[in-house]
Amino acid sequence: MIVVVIIGILAAIAIPKFSSVKDQAEQVSCRSNLRTFGTGESMYYGMYGAYGTLAELAAGGASAIMGNATSISCPASGAYTVVPAAPTTTYAIGCNVVAPLTHGSINDGIVSW
């Protein structure tokens, strides 16, 4: 009986810790994805003189800047908000996770998190 009580106490302590670790891992993964998009946008701008959409980053076959740009997703929300909708001289990429778990965004190469 004492062993069961001890295991119950340990489980009550450990389970919340694992939940916060999962949230932190999702946040780190999402921010890494955002940095990758920012790098892709910088490369696209260097080649074409304007920032592109995710579809434009993925287009081009073997010469694509980011061939997987349209398939990358946030592990928590699954989607990113991407501006521009057309080539332009500014861009913003944000994660759709709502507060208090916001993962951040990148605006014209400047991270906010």
N, C-alpha and C. Protein backbone atom coordinates (compact mmCIF):
# COMPACT_ATOMS: atom_id res chain seq x y z
N MET A 1 0.82 -1.19 0.00
CA MET A 1 0.00 0.00 0.00
C MET A 1 0.87 1.27 0.00
N ILE A 2 1.94 1.24 0.78
CA ILE A 2 2.84 2.39 0.85
C ILE A 2 3.51 2.62 -0.49
N VAL A 3 3.87 1.54 -1.17
CA VAL A 3 4.51 1.66 -2.49
C VAL A 3 3.56 2.33 -3.48
N VAL A 4 2.29 1.97 -3.46
CA VAL A 4 1.30 2.56 -4.36
C VAL A 4 1.16 4.06 -4.08
N VAL A 5 1.15 4.45 -2.82
CA VAL A 5 1.04 5.87 -2.45
C VAL A 5 2.27 6.63 -2.94
N ILE A 6 3.45 6.06 -2.78
CA ILE A 6 4.68 6.71 -3.23
C ILE A 6 4.68 6.88 -4.74
N ILE A 7 4.28 5.86 -5.47
CA ILE A 7 4.20 5.95 -6.94
C ILE A 7 3.19 7.02 -7.35
N GLY A 8 2.07 7.11 -6.66
CA GLY A 8 1.07 8.14 -6.95
C GLY A 8 1.61 9.53 -6.73
N ILE A 9 2.36 9.74 -5.66
CA ILE A 9 2.95 11.05 -5.38
C ILE A 9 3.98 11.41 -6.44
N LEU A 10 4.83 10.48 -6.82
CA LEU A 10 5.82 10.73 -7.86
C LEU A 10 5.16 11.06 -9.20
N ALA A 11 4.08 10.34 -9.53
CA ALA A 11 3.36 10.62 -10.78
C ALA A 11 2.74 12.01 -10.75
N ALA A 12 2.20 12.41 -9.61
CA ALA A 12 1.59 13.74 -9.50
C ALA A 12 2.62 14.85 -9.67
N ILE A 13 3.85 14.57 -9.30
CA ILE A 13 4.92 15.56 -9.47
C ILE A 13 5.44 15.56 -10.89
N ALA A 14 5.60 14.39 -11.48
CA ALA A 14 6.26 14.26 -12.79
C ALA A 14 5.39 14.66 -13.97
N ILE A 15 4.12 14.36 -13.96
CA ILE A 15 3.25 14.60 -15.12
C ILE A 15 3.19 16.08 -15.50
N PRO A 16 3.01 17.03 -14.59
CA PRO A 16 3.02 18.45 -15.00
C PRO A 16 4.37 18.88 -15.59
N LYS A 17 5.47 18.32 -15.10
CA LYS A 17 6.79 18.66 -15.64
C LYS A 17 6.90 18.25 -17.09
N PHE A 18 6.41 17.06 -17.44
CA PHE A 18 6.48 16.59 -18.82
C PHE A 18 5.64 17.45 -19.74
N SER A 19 4.52 17.96 -19.26
CA SER A 19 3.66 18.83 -20.06
C SER A 19 4.38 20.13 -20.42
N SER A 20 5.07 20.73 -19.46
CA SER A 20 5.76 21.98 -19.75
C SER A 20 6.95 21.75 -20.68
N VAL A 21 7.60 20.61 -20.57
CA VAL A 21 8.71 20.29 -21.46
C VAL A 21 8.21 20.14 -22.89
N LYS A 22 7.05 19.54 -23.07
CA LYS A 22 6.46 19.39 -24.41
C LYS A 22 6.16 20.76 -25.02
N ASP A 23 5.59 21.67 -24.24
CA ASP A 23 5.30 23.02 -24.73
C ASP A 23 6.58 23.75 -25.12
N GLN A 24 7.62 23.61 -24.32
CA GLN A 24 8.89 24.26 -24.63
C GLN A 24 9.50 23.68 -25.91
N ALA A 25 9.40 22.38 -26.10
CA ALA A 25 9.94 21.75 -27.30
C ALA A 25 9.19 22.23 -28.54
N GLU A 26 7.88 22.37 -28.46
CA GLU A 26 7.10 22.88 -29.59
C GLU A 26 7.50 24.32 -29.90
N GLN A 27 7.72 25.11 -28.87
CA GLN A 27 8.10 26.51 -29.07
C GLN A 27 9.46 26.61 -29.76
N VAL A 28 10.42 25.83 -29.32
CA VAL A 28 11.75 25.85 -29.92
C VAL A 28 11.69 25.38 -31.37
N SER A 29 10.92 24.35 -31.64
CA SER A 29 10.77 23.86 -33.01
C SER A 29 10.13 24.91 -33.91
N CYS A 30 9.10 25.57 -33.42
CA CYS A 30 8.42 26.60 -34.20
C CYS A 30 9.35 27.77 -34.49
N ARG A 31 10.10 28.21 -33.50
CA ARG A 31 11.03 29.32 -33.71
C ARG A 31 12.12 28.95 -34.70
N SER A 32 12.54 27.71 -34.69
CA SER A 32 13.52 27.25 -35.68
C SER A 32 12.93 27.32 -37.08
N ASN A 33 11.66 26.92 -37.21
CA ASN A 33 10.98 27.02 -38.51
C ASN A 33 10.89 28.47 -38.96
N LEU A 34 10.57 29.38 -38.03
CA LEU A 34 10.47 30.79 -38.38
C LEU A 34 11.81 31.33 -38.86
N ARG A 35 12.89 30.93 -38.20
CA ARG A 35 14.22 31.36 -38.64
C ARG A 35 14.52 30.84 -40.04
N THR A 36 14.12 29.60 -40.31
CA THR A 36 14.34 29.02 -41.64
C THR A 36 13.59 29.81 -42.70
N PHE A 37 12.35 30.19 -42.41
CA PHE A 37 11.59 31.01 -43.34
C PHE A 37 12.27 32.36 -43.56
N GLY A 38 12.76 32.96 -42.48
CA GLY A 38 13.45 34.24 -42.60
C GLY A 38 14.69 34.13 -43.48
N THR A 39 15.44 33.06 -43.33
CA THR A 39 16.61 32.84 -44.18
C THR A 39 16.20 32.64 -45.64
N GLY A 40 15.13 31.88 -45.85
CA GLY A 40 14.64 31.68 -47.21
C GLY A 40 14.18 32.98 -47.85
N GLU A 41 13.51 33.82 -47.08
CA GLU A 41 13.08 35.12 -47.60
C GLU A 41 14.28 35.99 -47.97
N SER A 42 15.32 35.96 -47.13
CA SER A 42 16.52 36.74 -47.44
C SER A 42 17.18 36.26 -48.73
N MET A 43 17.23 34.96 -48.91
CA MET A 43 17.81 34.40 -50.14
C MET A 43 16.96 34.78 -51.36
N TYR A 44 15.64 34.69 -51.20
CA TYR A 44 14.74 35.05 -52.30
C TYR A 44 14.92 36.52 -52.66
N TYR A 45 15.02 37.38 -51.65
CA TYR A 45 15.20 38.80 -51.89
C TYR A 45 16.51 39.05 -52.63
N GLY A 46 17.56 38.35 -52.25
CA GLY A 46 18.84 38.50 -52.93
C GLY A 46 18.79 38.10 -54.40
N MET A 47 17.96 37.12 -54.71
CA MET A 47 17.86 36.66 -56.10
C MET A 47 16.91 37.49 -56.95
N TYR A 48 15.79 37.93 -56.35
CA TYR A 48 14.72 38.55 -57.15
C TYR A 48 14.43 40.01 -56.79
N GLY A 49 15.03 40.55 -55.74
CA GLY A 49 14.82 41.94 -55.38
C GLY A 49 13.50 42.23 -54.70
N ALA A 50 12.80 41.19 -54.27
CA ALA A 50 11.55 41.34 -53.54
C ALA A 50 11.35 40.08 -52.70
N TYR A 51 10.56 40.18 -51.64
CA TYR A 51 10.26 39.01 -50.83
C TYR A 51 9.11 38.25 -51.48
N GLY A 52 9.10 36.93 -51.31
CA GLY A 52 8.09 36.12 -51.95
C GLY A 52 7.18 35.40 -50.97
N THR A 53 6.16 34.77 -51.52
CA THR A 53 5.25 33.96 -50.73
C THR A 53 5.89 32.60 -50.47
N LEU A 54 5.27 31.79 -49.62
CA LEU A 54 5.81 30.46 -49.38
C LEU A 54 5.78 29.62 -50.65
N ALA A 55 4.75 29.79 -51.46
CA ALA A 55 4.67 29.05 -52.72
C ALA A 55 5.82 29.43 -53.65
N GLU A 56 6.18 30.71 -53.65
CA GLU A 56 7.30 31.16 -54.49
C GLU A 56 8.64 30.66 -53.96
N LEU A 57 8.76 30.56 -52.64
CA LEU A 57 9.98 30.00 -52.07
C LEU A 57 10.13 28.52 -52.44
N ALA A 58 9.01 27.83 -52.55
CA ALA A 58 9.03 26.39 -52.85
C ALA A 58 9.10 26.12 -54.35
N ALA A 59 8.71 27.08 -55.18
CA ALA A 59 8.66 26.86 -56.63
C ALA A 59 10.05 26.82 -57.23
N GLY A 60 10.17 26.22 -58.38
CA GLY A 60 11.43 26.25 -59.10
C GLY A 60 12.12 24.92 -59.22
N GLY A 61 11.50 23.84 -58.79
CA GLY A 61 12.10 22.52 -58.94
C GLY A 61 13.41 22.40 -58.19
N ALA A 62 14.47 21.99 -58.88
CA ALA A 62 15.77 21.79 -58.24
C ALA A 62 16.39 23.10 -57.79
N SER A 63 15.99 24.22 -58.39
CA SER A 63 16.54 25.52 -58.00
C SER A 63 15.70 26.20 -56.94
N ALA A 64 14.75 25.51 -56.35
CA ALA A 64 13.90 26.10 -55.32
C ALA A 64 14.73 26.51 -54.11
N ILE A 65 14.41 27.64 -53.54
CA ILE A 65 15.12 28.11 -52.35
C ILE A 65 14.77 27.22 -51.16
N MET A 66 13.49 26.96 -50.99
CA MET A 66 13.01 26.07 -49.92
C MET A 66 11.97 25.15 -50.54
N GLY A 67 12.38 24.02 -51.04
CA GLY A 67 11.44 23.11 -51.69
C GLY A 67 10.32 22.63 -50.80
N ASN A 68 10.54 22.64 -49.48
CA ASN A 68 9.52 22.17 -48.54
C ASN A 68 8.79 23.32 -47.83
N ALA A 69 8.89 24.52 -48.33
CA ALA A 69 8.33 25.70 -47.64
C ALA A 69 6.84 25.58 -47.38
N THR A 70 6.10 24.99 -48.28
CA THR A 70 4.65 24.91 -48.10
C THR A 70 4.25 23.76 -47.18
N SER A 71 5.17 22.86 -46.86
CA SER A 71 4.81 21.73 -46.00
C SER A 71 5.31 21.88 -44.56
N ILE A 72 6.07 22.92 -44.27
CA ILE A 72 6.54 23.14 -42.89
C ILE A 72 5.39 23.69 -42.06
N SER A 73 5.20 23.11 -40.87
CA SER A 73 4.11 23.59 -40.02
C SER A 73 4.55 23.66 -38.56
N CYS A 74 3.86 24.49 -37.82
CA CYS A 74 4.12 24.61 -36.39
C CYS A 74 3.62 23.34 -35.70
N PRO A 75 4.39 22.76 -34.79
CA PRO A 75 3.94 21.55 -34.12
C PRO A 75 2.73 21.76 -33.22
N ALA A 76 2.48 23.00 -32.79
CA ALA A 76 1.34 23.26 -31.91
C ALA A 76 0.09 23.69 -32.66
N SER A 77 0.23 24.61 -33.62
CA SER A 77 -0.96 25.14 -34.30
C SER A 77 -1.10 24.62 -35.72
N GLY A 78 0.00 24.22 -36.32
CA GLY A 78 -0.05 23.67 -37.67
C GLY A 78 0.03 24.69 -38.78
N ALA A 79 -0.06 25.96 -38.48
CA ALA A 79 -0.10 26.94 -39.57
C ALA A 79 0.71 28.18 -39.22
N TYR A 80 1.16 28.87 -40.27
CA TYR A 80 1.86 30.13 -40.12
C TYR A 80 1.12 31.21 -40.89
N THR A 81 1.16 32.43 -40.37
CA THR A 81 0.63 33.58 -41.09
C THR A 81 1.78 34.19 -41.85
N VAL A 82 1.63 34.27 -43.17
CA VAL A 82 2.72 34.76 -44.01
C VAL A 82 2.25 35.95 -44.82
N VAL A 83 2.97 37.04 -44.70
CA VAL A 83 2.76 38.21 -45.54
C VAL A 83 4.09 38.44 -46.22
N PRO A 84 4.23 38.47 -47.47
CA PRO A 84 3.30 39.01 -48.45
C PRO A 84 2.45 37.94 -49.12
N ALA A 85 1.38 38.40 -49.72
CA ALA A 85 0.58 37.56 -50.60
C ALA A 85 1.14 37.65 -52.02
N ALA A 86 1.94 38.64 -52.27
CA ALA A 86 2.60 38.84 -53.58
C ALA A 86 3.98 39.41 -53.31
N PRO A 87 4.88 39.35 -54.29
CA PRO A 87 6.23 39.90 -54.06
C PRO A 87 6.17 41.37 -53.62
N THR A 88 6.96 41.70 -52.61
CA THR A 88 6.98 43.04 -52.06
C THR A 88 8.34 43.29 -51.40
N THR A 89 8.54 44.46 -50.85
CA THR A 89 9.82 44.78 -50.21
C THR A 89 9.77 44.63 -48.70
N THR A 90 8.73 44.02 -48.16
CA THR A 90 8.62 43.76 -46.74
C THR A 90 7.95 42.40 -46.53
N TYR A 91 8.21 41.77 -45.40
CA TYR A 91 7.55 40.50 -45.12
C TYR A 91 7.35 40.33 -43.62
N ALA A 92 6.41 39.46 -43.27
CA ALA A 92 6.15 39.10 -41.88
C ALA A 92 5.69 37.65 -41.86
N ILE A 93 6.26 36.89 -40.96
CA ILE A 93 5.88 35.49 -40.78
C ILE A 93 5.61 35.31 -39.30
N GLY A 94 4.42 34.84 -38.97
CA GLY A 94 4.06 34.65 -37.57
C GLY A 94 3.43 33.30 -37.34
N CYS A 95 3.46 32.88 -36.10
CA CYS A 95 2.85 31.62 -35.71
C CYS A 95 1.44 31.89 -35.20
N ASN A 96 0.52 30.99 -35.48
CA ASN A 96 -0.89 31.19 -35.11
C ASN A 96 -1.25 30.68 -33.72
N VAL A 97 -0.28 30.34 -32.89
CA VAL A 97 -0.57 29.91 -31.53
C VAL A 97 -1.00 31.13 -30.72
N VAL A 98 -2.03 30.98 -29.92
CA VAL A 98 -2.57 32.10 -29.15
C VAL A 98 -1.90 32.20 -27.78
N ALA A 99 -1.95 33.40 -27.18
CA ALA A 99 -1.34 33.64 -25.87
C ALA A 99 -1.94 32.68 -24.85
N PRO A 100 -1.21 32.28 -23.86
CA PRO A 100 0.13 32.71 -23.45
C PRO A 100 1.25 31.90 -24.09
N LEU A 101 0.94 31.06 -25.07
CA LEU A 101 1.95 30.21 -25.69
C LEU A 101 2.49 30.76 -26.99
N THR A 102 2.41 32.05 -27.22
CA THR A 102 2.87 32.59 -28.50
C THR A 102 4.31 32.22 -28.77
N HIS A 103 4.56 31.80 -29.99
CA HIS A 103 5.90 31.39 -30.38
C HIS A 103 6.69 32.53 -30.99
N GLY A 104 6.04 33.59 -31.42
CA GLY A 104 6.74 34.73 -31.96
C GLY A 104 6.50 34.95 -33.43
N SER A 105 7.29 35.86 -34.00
CA SER A 105 7.18 36.17 -35.42
C SER A 105 8.49 36.76 -35.91
N ILE A 106 8.61 36.88 -37.23
CA ILE A 106 9.76 37.53 -37.85
C ILE A 106 9.21 38.58 -38.80
N ASN A 107 9.65 39.81 -38.61
CA ASN A 107 9.24 40.92 -39.48
C ASN A 107 10.48 41.52 -40.11
N ASP A 108 10.59 41.36 -41.43
CA ASP A 108 11.75 41.89 -42.18
C ASP A 108 13.08 41.46 -41.57
N GLY A 109 13.15 40.21 -41.14
CA GLY A 109 14.39 39.67 -40.60
C GLY A 109 14.60 39.90 -39.12
N ILE A 110 13.70 40.62 -38.46
CA ILE A 110 13.84 40.90 -37.03
C ILE A 110 12.90 39.98 -36.26
N VAL A 111 13.47 39.18 -35.37
CA VAL A 111 12.67 38.23 -34.59
C VAL A 111 12.04 38.94 -33.41
N SER A 112 10.86 38.47 -33.02
CA SER A 112 10.19 39.02 -31.84
C SER A 112 9.70 37.86 -30.98
N TRP A 113 10.53 37.51 -30.02
CA TRP A 113 10.14 36.54 -29.00
C TRP A 113 10.99 36.65 -27.79
